[in-house]
Amino acid sequence: MSARIHRYQVPVDDQVHVIELNGTPAHVGCRDPEVVEFWAIHRDGVPLRPYRFTVAGTGHVLPEGCRVWGTATAPGGTYVWHLIEVTA
């Protein structure tokens, strides 16, 4: 079974976005202040499962039942975004 790292994007828009993965996020980054990126291992032949992600800024209210996967600073350092998995 082969594996590779894929890049995914979650817009900074206060919405929940469903992304199908068969691995969990390994790194979170931000090259555009309006998009948080993350990288996850993808294994060929392993079933995908839907994850529900949103982005929250520092000081924002977090959804009930969530998991923080990582944090990234937007270019220029004005914003710090947190990749949140909504589990409830």
PDB file of N, CA and C in Angstrom:
ATOM      1  N   MET A   1       0.852  -1.166   0.000  1.00  0.00           N
ATOM      2  CA  MET A   1       0.000   0.000   0.000  1.00  0.00           C
ATOM      3  C   MET A   1       0.902   1.234   0.000  1.00  0.00           C
ATOM      4  N   SER A   2       0.656   2.124  -0.937  1.00  0.00           N
ATOM      5  CA  SER A   2       1.469   3.332  -0.997  1.00  0.00           C
ATOM      6  C   SER A   2       0.793   4.466  -0.224  1.00  0.00           C
ATOM      7  N   ALA A   3       1.615   5.404   0.198  1.00  0.00           N
ATOM      8  CA  ALA A   3       1.119   6.571   0.932  1.00  0.00           C
ATOM      9  C   ALA A   3       1.775   7.806   0.361  1.00  0.00           C
ATOM     10  N   ARG A   4       1.075   8.912   0.461  1.00  0.00           N
ATOM     11  CA  ARG A   4       1.601  10.201   0.029  1.00  0.00           C
ATOM     12  C   ARG A   4       0.978  11.283   0.902  1.00  0.00           C
ATOM     13  N   ILE A   5       1.560  12.454   0.876  1.00  0.00           N
ATOM     14  CA  ILE A   5       1.013  13.580   1.625  1.00  0.00           C
ATOM     15  C   ILE A   5       0.221  14.446   0.664  1.00  0.00           C
ATOM     16  N   HIS A   6      -1.006  14.765   1.043  1.00  0.00           N
ATOM     17  CA  HIS A   6      -1.872  15.644   0.255  1.00  0.00           C
ATOM     18  C   HIS A   6      -2.102  16.944   1.020  1.00  0.00           C
ATOM     19  N   ARG A   7      -2.364  18.002   0.271  1.00  0.00           N
ATOM     20  CA  ARG A   7      -2.659  19.312   0.863  1.00  0.00           C
ATOM     21  C   ARG A   7      -4.155  19.585   0.711  1.00  0.00           C
ATOM     22  N   TYR A   8      -4.750  20.144   1.753  1.00  0.00           N
ATOM     23  CA  TYR A   8      -6.172  20.472   1.762  1.00  0.00           C
ATOM     24  C   TYR A   8      -6.333  21.924   2.194  1.00  0.00           C
ATOM     25  N   GLN A   9      -7.465  22.535   1.862  1.00  0.00           N
ATOM     26  CA  GLN A   9      -7.724  23.923   2.226  1.00  0.00           C
ATOM     27  C   GLN A   9      -9.073  24.056   2.922  1.00  0.00           C
ATOM     28  N   VAL A  10      -9.121  24.927   3.915  1.00  0.00           N
ATOM     29  CA  VAL A  10     -10.367  25.267   4.597  1.00  0.00           C
ATOM     30  C   VAL A  10     -10.475  26.794   4.587  1.00  0.00           C
ATOM     31  N   PRO A  11     -11.505  27.340   3.944  1.00  0.00           N
ATOM     32  CA  PRO A  11     -11.668  28.795   3.920  1.00  0.00           C
ATOM     33  C   PRO A  11     -11.939  29.361   5.313  1.00  0.00           C
ATOM     34  N   VAL A  12     -11.503  30.588   5.515  1.00  0.00           N
ATOM     35  CA  VAL A  12     -11.796  31.309   6.750  1.00  0.00           C
ATOM     36  C   VAL A  12     -13.129  32.023   6.519  1.00  0.00           C
ATOM     37  N   ASP A  13     -14.243  31.323   6.821  1.00  0.00           N
ATOM     38  CA  ASP A  13     -15.567  31.874   6.499  1.00  0.00           C
ATOM     39  C   ASP A  13     -16.643  31.510   7.532  1.00  0.00           C
ATOM     40  N   ASP A  14     -16.239  31.029   8.697  1.00  0.00           N
ATOM     41  CA  ASP A  14     -17.184  30.667   9.773  1.00  0.00           C
ATOM     42  C   ASP A  14     -18.136  29.538   9.392  1.00  0.00           C
ATOM     43  N   GLN A  15     -17.836  28.800   8.345  1.00  0.00           N
ATOM     44  CA  GLN A  15     -18.675  27.673   7.921  1.00  0.00           C
ATOM     45  C   GLN A  15     -17.950  26.363   8.245  1.00  0.00           C
ATOM     46  N   VAL A  16     -18.712  25.275   8.270  1.00  0.00           N
ATOM     47  CA  VAL A  16     -18.137  23.942   8.440  1.00  0.00           C
ATOM     48  C   VAL A  16     -17.967  23.325   7.060  1.00  0.00           C
ATOM     49  N   HIS A  17     -16.786  22.775   6.810  1.00  0.00           N
ATOM     50  CA  HIS A  17     -16.459  22.178   5.516  1.00  0.00           C
ATOM     51  C   HIS A  17     -16.136  20.704   5.725  1.00  0.00           C
ATOM     52  N   VAL A  18     -16.771  19.839   4.935  1.00  0.00           N
ATOM     53  CA  VAL A  18     -16.548  18.402   5.040  1.00  0.00           C
ATOM     54  C   VAL A  18     -15.437  18.022   4.066  1.00  0.00           C
ATOM     55  N   ILE A  19     -14.413  17.359   4.600  1.00  0.00           N
ATOM     56  CA  ILE A  19     -13.287  16.879   3.795  1.00  0.00           C
ATOM     57  C   ILE A  19     -13.082  15.420   4.143  1.00  0.00           C
ATOM     58  N   GLU A  20     -13.019  14.580   3.124  1.00  0.00           N
ATOM     59  CA  GLU A  20     -12.824  13.145   3.353  1.00  0.00           C
ATOM     60  C   GLU A  20     -11.337  12.824   3.398  1.00  0.00           C
ATOM     61  N   LEU A  21     -10.943  12.149   4.478  1.00  0.00           N
ATOM     62  CA  LEU A  21      -9.547  11.785   4.711  1.00  0.00           C
ATOM     63  C   LEU A  21      -9.469  10.339   5.168  1.00  0.00           C
ATOM     64  N   ASN A  22      -8.282   9.751   5.029  1.00  0.00           N
ATOM     65  CA  ASN A  22      -8.040   8.463   5.679  1.00  0.00           C
ATOM     66  C   ASN A  22      -6.806   8.551   6.587  1.00  0.00           C
ATOM     67  N   GLY A  23      -6.448   9.765   6.906  1.00  0.00           N
ATOM     68  CA  GLY A  23      -5.397  10.059   7.869  1.00  0.00           C
ATOM     69  C   GLY A  23      -5.761  11.363   8.545  1.00  0.00           C
ATOM     70  N   THR A  24      -5.038  11.744   9.559  1.00  0.00           N
ATOM     71  CA  THR A  24      -5.343  12.978  10.262  1.00  0.00           C
ATOM     72  C   THR A  24      -4.341  14.059   9.869  1.00  0.00           C
ATOM     73  N   PRO A  25      -4.692  15.324  10.080  1.00  0.00           N
ATOM     74  CA  PRO A  25      -3.777  16.409   9.726  1.00  0.00           C
ATOM     75  C   PRO A  25      -2.422  16.263  10.414  1.00  0.00           C
ATOM     76  N   ALA A  26      -1.368  16.510   9.632  1.00  0.00           N
ATOM     77  CA  ALA A  26      -0.013  16.406  10.155  1.00  0.00           C
ATOM     78  C   ALA A  26       0.622  17.780  10.360  1.00  0.00           C
ATOM     79  N   HIS A  27       0.173  18.768   9.583  1.00  0.00           N
ATOM     80  CA  HIS A  27       0.729  20.116   9.691  1.00  0.00           C
ATOM     81  C   HIS A  27      -0.317  21.113   9.218  1.00  0.00           C
ATOM     82  N   VAL A  28      -0.331  22.292   9.840  1.00  0.00           N
ATOM     83  CA  VAL A  28      -1.265  23.361   9.474  1.00  0.00           C
ATOM     84  C   VAL A  28      -0.445  24.586   9.091  1.00  0.00           C
ATOM     85  N   GLY A  29      -0.855  25.258   8.012  1.00  0.00           N
ATOM     86  CA  GLY A  29      -0.155  26.449   7.560  1.00  0.00           C
ATOM     87  C   GLY A  29      -1.117  27.467   6.980  1.00  0.00           C
ATOM     88  N   CYS A  30      -0.572  28.624   6.631  1.00  0.00           N
ATOM     89  CA  CYS A  30      -1.399  29.690   6.073  1.00  0.00           C
ATOM     90  C   CYS A  30      -0.526  30.577   5.190  1.00  0.00           C
ATOM     91  N   ARG A  31      -0.814  30.573   3.882  1.00  0.00           N
ATOM     92  CA  ARG A  31      -0.115  31.454   2.952  1.00  0.00           C
ATOM     93  C   ARG A  31      -1.017  32.571   2.461  1.00  0.00           C
ATOM     94  N   ASP A  32      -2.315  32.453   2.722  1.00  0.00           N
ATOM     95  CA  ASP A  32      -3.322  33.420   2.307  1.00  0.00           C
ATOM     96  C   ASP A  32      -4.190  33.687   3.536  1.00  0.00           C
ATOM     97  N   PRO A  33      -4.381  34.941   3.942  1.00  0.00           N
ATOM     98  CA  PRO A  33      -5.147  35.214   5.163  1.00  0.00           C
ATOM     99  C   PRO A  33      -6.579  34.705   5.141  1.00  0.00           C
ATOM    100  N   GLU A  34      -7.091  34.329   3.972  1.00  0.00           N
ATOM    101  CA  GLU A  34      -8.480  33.869   3.865  1.00  0.00           C
ATOM    102  C   GLU A  34      -8.606  32.351   3.759  1.00  0.00           C
ATOM    103  N   VAL A  35      -7.484  31.628   3.847  1.00  0.00           N
ATOM    104  CA  VAL A  35      -7.502  30.167   3.688  1.00  0.00           C
ATOM    105  C   VAL A  35      -6.481  29.548   4.640  1.00  0.00           C
ATOM    106  N   VAL A  36      -6.907  28.531   5.369  1.00  0.00           N
ATOM    107  CA  VAL A  36      -5.984  27.726   6.165  1.00  0.00           C
ATOM    108  C   VAL A  36      -5.744  26.437   5.401  1.00  0.00           C
ATOM    109  N   GLU A  37      -4.499  26.031   5.318  1.00  0.00           N
ATOM    110  CA  GLU A  37      -4.130  24.799   4.634  1.00  0.00           C
ATOM    111  C   GLU A  37      -3.695  23.766   5.671  1.00  0.00           C
ATOM    112  N   PHE A  38      -3.875  22.508   5.318  1.00  0.00           N
ATOM    113  CA  PHE A  38      -3.276  21.461   6.139  1.00  0.00           C
ATOM    114  C   PHE A  38      -2.835  20.319   5.245  1.00  0.00           C
ATOM    115  N   TRP A  39      -1.886  19.570   5.760  1.00  0.00           N
ATOM    116  CA  TRP A  39      -1.333  18.439   5.038  1.00  0.00           C
ATOM    117  C   TRP A  39      -1.624  17.183   5.848  1.00  0.00           C
ATOM    118  N   ALA A  40      -2.022  16.123   5.152  1.00  0.00           N
ATOM    119  CA  ALA A  40      -2.344  14.857   5.815  1.00  0.00           C
ATOM    120  C   ALA A  40      -1.851  13.700   4.956  1.00  0.00           C
ATOM    121  N   ILE A  41      -1.483  12.624   5.594  1.00  0.00           N
ATOM    122  CA  ILE A  41      -1.071  11.421   4.867  1.00  0.00           C
ATOM    123  C   ILE A  41      -2.306  10.763   4.277  1.00  0.00           C
ATOM    124  N   HIS A  42      -2.207  10.412   3.006  1.00  0.00           N
ATOM    125  CA  HIS A  42      -3.274   9.687   2.307  1.00  0.00           C
ATOM    126  C   HIS A  42      -2.717   8.316   1.938  1.00  0.00           C
ATOM    127  N   ARG A  43      -3.416   7.276   2.343  1.00  0.00           N
ATOM    128  CA  ARG A  43      -2.988   5.901   2.053  1.00  0.00           C
ATOM    129  C   ARG A  43      -3.913   5.301   1.003  1.00  0.00           C
ATOM    130  N   ASP A  44      -3.344   4.900  -0.112  1.00  0.00           N
ATOM    131  CA  ASP A  44      -4.132   4.274  -1.174  1.00  0.00           C
ATOM    132  C   ASP A  44      -4.793   3.007  -0.651  1.00  0.00           C
ATOM    133  N   GLY A  45      -6.054   2.806  -1.017  1.00  0.00           N
ATOM    134  CA  GLY A  45      -6.773   1.598  -0.652  1.00  0.00           C
ATOM    135  C   GLY A  45      -7.405   1.614   0.729  1.00  0.00           C
ATOM    136  N   VAL A  46      -7.197   2.678   1.500  1.00  0.00           N
ATOM    137  CA  VAL A  46      -7.798   2.787   2.832  1.00  0.00           C
ATOM    138  C   VAL A  46      -9.065   3.635   2.703  1.00  0.00           C
ATOM    139  N   PRO A  47     -10.179   3.173   3.269  1.00  0.00           N
ATOM    140  CA  PRO A  47     -11.431   3.920   3.132  1.00  0.00           C
ATOM    141  C   PRO A  47     -11.323   5.353   3.681  1.00  0.00           C
ATOM    142  N   LEU A  48     -12.005   6.261   3.029  1.00  0.00           N
ATOM    143  CA  LEU A  48     -12.062   7.651   3.464  1.00  0.00           C
ATOM    144  C   LEU A  48     -13.154   7.820   4.507  1.00  0.00           C
ATOM    145  N   ARG A  49     -12.982   8.786   5.375  1.00  0.00           N
ATOM    146  CA  ARG A  49     -14.024   9.120   6.342  1.00  0.00           C
ATOM    147  C   ARG A  49     -14.196  10.632   6.331  1.00  0.00           C
ATOM    148  N   PRO A  50     -15.433  11.109   6.464  1.00  0.00           N
ATOM    149  CA  PRO A  50     -15.657  12.557   6.445  1.00  0.00           C
ATOM    150  C   PRO A  50     -15.246  13.211   7.760  1.00  0.00           C
ATOM    151  N   TYR A  51     -14.509  14.288   7.638  1.00  0.00           N
ATOM    152  CA  TYR A  51     -14.160  15.145   8.766  1.00  0.00           C
ATOM    153  C   TYR A  51     -14.845  16.485   8.543  1.00  0.00           C
ATOM    154  N   ARG A  52     -15.284  17.120   9.617  1.00  0.00           N
ATOM    155  CA  ARG A  52     -15.946  18.430   9.531  1.00  0.00           C
ATOM    156  C   ARG A  52     -15.000  19.475  10.140  1.00  0.00           C
ATOM    157  N   PHE A  53     -14.503  20.380   9.287  1.00  0.00           N
ATOM    158  CA  PHE A  53     -13.530  21.379   9.721  1.00  0.00           C
ATOM    159  C   PHE A  53     -14.096  22.785   9.619  1.00  0.00           C
ATOM    160  N   THR A  54     -13.634  23.634  10.524  1.00  0.00           N
ATOM    161  CA  THR A  54     -13.873  25.071  10.440  1.00  0.00           C
ATOM    162  C   THR A  54     -12.594  25.746  10.912  1.00  0.00           C
ATOM    163  N   VAL A  55     -12.528  27.049  10.719  1.00  0.00           N
ATOM    164  CA  VAL A  55     -11.377  27.833  11.164  1.00  0.00           C
ATOM    165  C   VAL A  55     -11.868  28.853  12.183  1.00  0.00           C
ATOM    166  N   ALA A  56     -11.134  28.978  13.278  1.00  0.00           N
ATOM    167  CA  ALA A  56     -11.459  29.967  14.302  1.00  0.00           C
ATOM    168  C   ALA A  56     -10.241  30.832  14.552  1.00  0.00           C
ATOM    169  N   GLY A  57     -10.484  32.092  14.806  1.00  0.00           N
ATOM    170  CA  GLY A  57      -9.409  33.000  15.182  1.00  0.00           C
ATOM    171  C   GLY A  57      -9.185  32.969  16.679  1.00  0.00           C
ATOM    172  N   THR A  58      -8.051  33.479  17.088  1.00  0.00           N
ATOM    173  CA  THR A  58      -7.760  33.577  18.510  1.00  0.00           C
ATOM    174  C   THR A  58      -8.825  34.443  19.182  1.00  0.00           C
ATOM    175  N   GLY A  59      -9.391  33.945  20.267  1.00  0.00           N
ATOM    176  CA  GLY A  59     -10.422  34.666  21.010  1.00  0.00           C
ATOM    177  C   GLY A  59     -11.838  34.382  20.538  1.00  0.00           C
ATOM    178  N   HIS A  60     -11.991  33.688  19.401  1.00  0.00           N
ATOM    179  CA  HIS A  60     -13.331  33.360  18.907  1.00  0.00           C
ATOM    180  C   HIS A  60     -13.931  32.229  19.733  1.00  0.00           C
ATOM    181  N   VAL A  61     -15.241  32.182  19.780  1.00  0.00           N
ATOM    182  CA  VAL A  61     -15.944  31.111  20.487  1.00  0.00           C
ATOM    183  C   VAL A  61     -15.790  29.823  19.672  1.00  0.00           C
ATOM    184  N   LEU A  62     -15.447  28.749  20.351  1.00  0.00           N
ATOM    185  CA  LEU A  62     -15.276  27.449  19.691  1.00  0.00           C
ATOM    186  C   LEU A  62     -16.583  26.675  19.716  1.00  0.00           C
ATOM    187  N   PRO A  63     -16.830  25.860  18.691  1.00  0.00           N
ATOM    188  CA  PRO A  63     -18.040  25.039  18.706  1.00  0.00           C
ATOM    189  C   PRO A  63     -17.960  23.968  19.793  1.00  0.00           C
ATOM    190  N   GLU A  64     -19.115  23.561  20.292  1.00  0.00           N
ATOM    191  CA  GLU A  64     -19.169  22.467  21.265  1.00  0.00           C
ATOM    192  C   GLU A  64     -18.575  21.209  20.626  1.00  0.00           C
ATOM    193  N   GLY A  65     -17.910  20.432  21.421  1.00  0.00           N
ATOM    194  CA  GLY A  65     -17.380  19.163  20.947  1.00  0.00           C
ATOM    195  C   GLY A  65     -16.424  19.336  19.789  1.00  0.00           C
ATOM    196  N   CYS A  66     -15.328  20.022  20.015  1.00  0.00           N
ATOM    197  CA  CYS A  66     -14.391  20.245  18.916  1.00  0.00           C
ATOM    198  C   CYS A  66     -13.005  19.762  19.294  1.00  0.00           C
ATOM    199  N   ARG A  67     -12.175  19.624  18.284  1.00  0.00           N
ATOM    200  CA  ARG A  67     -10.779  19.247  18.478  1.00  0.00           C
ATOM    201  C   ARG A  67      -9.928  20.218  17.683  1.00  0.00           C
ATOM    202  N   VAL A  68      -8.911  20.767  18.311  1.00  0.00           N
ATOM    203  CA  VAL A  68      -7.997  21.682  17.633  1.00  0.00           C
ATOM    204  C   VAL A  68      -6.865  20.857  17.022  1.00  0.00           C
ATOM    205  N   TRP A  69      -6.691  20.976  15.696  1.00  0.00           N
ATOM    206  CA  TRP A  69      -5.660  20.200  15.003  1.00  0.00           C
ATOM    207  C   TRP A  69      -4.367  20.975  14.817  1.00  0.00           C
ATOM    208  N   GLY A  70      -4.433  22.283  14.885  1.00  0.00           N
ATOM    209  CA  GLY A  70      -3.204  23.051  14.725  1.00  0.00           C
ATOM    210  C   GLY A  70      -3.495  24.523  14.557  1.00  0.00           C
ATOM    211  N   THR A  71      -2.421  25.308  14.557  1.00  0.00           N
ATOM    212  CA  THR A  71      -2.494  26.759  14.506  1.00  0.00           C
ATOM    213  C   THR A  71      -1.519  27.265  13.465  1.00  0.00           C
ATOM    214  N   ALA A  72      -1.920  28.338  12.774  1.00  0.00           N
ATOM    215  CA  ALA A  72      -1.044  28.944  11.766  1.00  0.00           C
ATOM    216  C   ALA A  72      -1.205  30.453  11.808  1.00  0.00           C
ATOM    217  N   THR A  73      -0.117  31.153  11.580  1.00  0.00           N
ATOM    218  CA  THR A  73      -0.136  32.606  11.518  1.00  0.00           C
ATOM    219  C   THR A  73      -0.232  33.027  10.059  1.00  0.00           C
ATOM    220  N   ALA A  74      -1.175  33.915   9.755  1.00  0.00           N
ATOM    221  CA  ALA A  74      -1.340  34.424   8.389  1.00  0.00           C
ATOM    222  C   ALA A  74      -0.154  35.315   8.026  1.00  0.00           C
ATOM    223  N   PRO A  75       0.114  35.459   6.731  1.00  0.00           N
ATOM    224  CA  PRO A  75       1.213  36.339   6.311  1.00  0.00           C
ATOM    225  C   PRO A  75       1.061  37.735   6.923  1.00  0.00           C
ATOM    226  N   GLY A  76       2.151  38.289   7.374  1.00  0.00           N
ATOM    227  CA  GLY A  76       2.125  39.600   8.009  1.00  0.00           C
ATOM    228  C   GLY A  76       1.880  39.545   9.506  1.00  0.00           C
ATOM    229  N   GLY A  77       1.437  38.400  10.007  1.00  0.00           N
ATOM    230  CA  GLY A  77       1.261  38.214  11.439  1.00  0.00           C
ATOM    231  C   GLY A  77       0.026  38.852  12.050  1.00  0.00           C
ATOM    232  N   THR A  78      -0.873  39.387  11.222  1.00  0.00           N
ATOM    233  CA  THR A  78      -2.065  40.051  11.753  1.00  0.00           C
ATOM    234  C   THR A  78      -3.055  39.068  12.348  1.00  0.00           C
ATOM    235  N   TYR A  79      -3.219  37.898  11.707  1.00  0.00           N
ATOM    236  CA  TYR A  79      -4.202  36.910  12.148  1.00  0.00           C
ATOM    237  C   TYR A  79      -3.502  35.620  12.540  1.00  0.00           C
ATOM    238  N   VAL A  80      -4.050  34.973  13.570  1.00  0.00           N
ATOM    239  CA  VAL A  80      -3.636  33.624  13.943  1.00  0.00           C
ATOM    240  C   VAL A  80      -4.882  32.763  13.856  1.00  0.00           C
ATOM    241  N   TRP A  81      -4.840  31.750  12.984  1.00  0.00           N
ATOM    242  CA  TRP A  81      -5.984  30.878  12.721  1.00  0.00           C
ATOM    243  C   TRP A  81      -5.753  29.513  13.351  1.00  0.00           C
ATOM    244  N   HIS A  82      -6.852  28.869  13.751  1.00  0.00           N
ATOM    245  CA  HIS A  82      -6.800  27.547  14.366  1.00  0.00           C
ATOM    246  C   HIS A  82      -7.701  26.613  13.557  1.00  0.00           C
ATOM    247  N   LEU A  83      -7.163  25.483  13.116  1.00  0.00           N
ATOM    248  CA  LEU A  83      -7.932  24.474  12.395  1.00  0.00           C
ATOM    249  C   LEU A  83      -8.687  23.646  13.421  1.00  0.00           C
ATOM    250  N   ILE A  84     -10.016  23.666  13.318  1.00  0.00           N
ATOM    251  CA  ILE A  84     -10.891  23.021  14.281  1.00  0.00           C
ATOM    252  C   ILE A  84     -11.675  21.896  13.605  1.00  0.00           C
ATOM    253  N   GLU A  85     -11.654  20.707  14.215  1.00  0.00           N
ATOM    254  CA  GLU A  85     -12.553  19.646  13.772  1.00  0.00           C
ATOM    255  C   GLU A  85     -13.812  19.722  14.634  1.00  0.00           C
ATOM    256  N   VAL A  86     -14.953  19.841  13.981  1.00  0.00           N
ATOM    257  CA  VAL A  86     -16.230  19.886  14.685  1.00  0.00           C
ATOM    258  C   VAL A  86     -16.697  18.439  14.842  1.00  0.00           C
ATOM    259  N   THR A  87     -16.782  17.969  16.070  1.00  0.00           N
ATOM    260  CA  THR A  87     -17.093  16.561  16.305  1.00  0.00           C
ATOM    261  C   THR A  87     -18.478  16.333  16.872  1.00  0.00           C
ATOM    262  N   ALA A  88     -19.157  17.377  17.270  1.00  0.00           N
ATOM    263  CA  ALA A  88     -20.502  17.211  17.845  1.00  0.00           C
ATOM    264  C   ALA A  88     -21.557  17.552  16.826  1.00  0.00           C
TER     265      ALA A  88
END
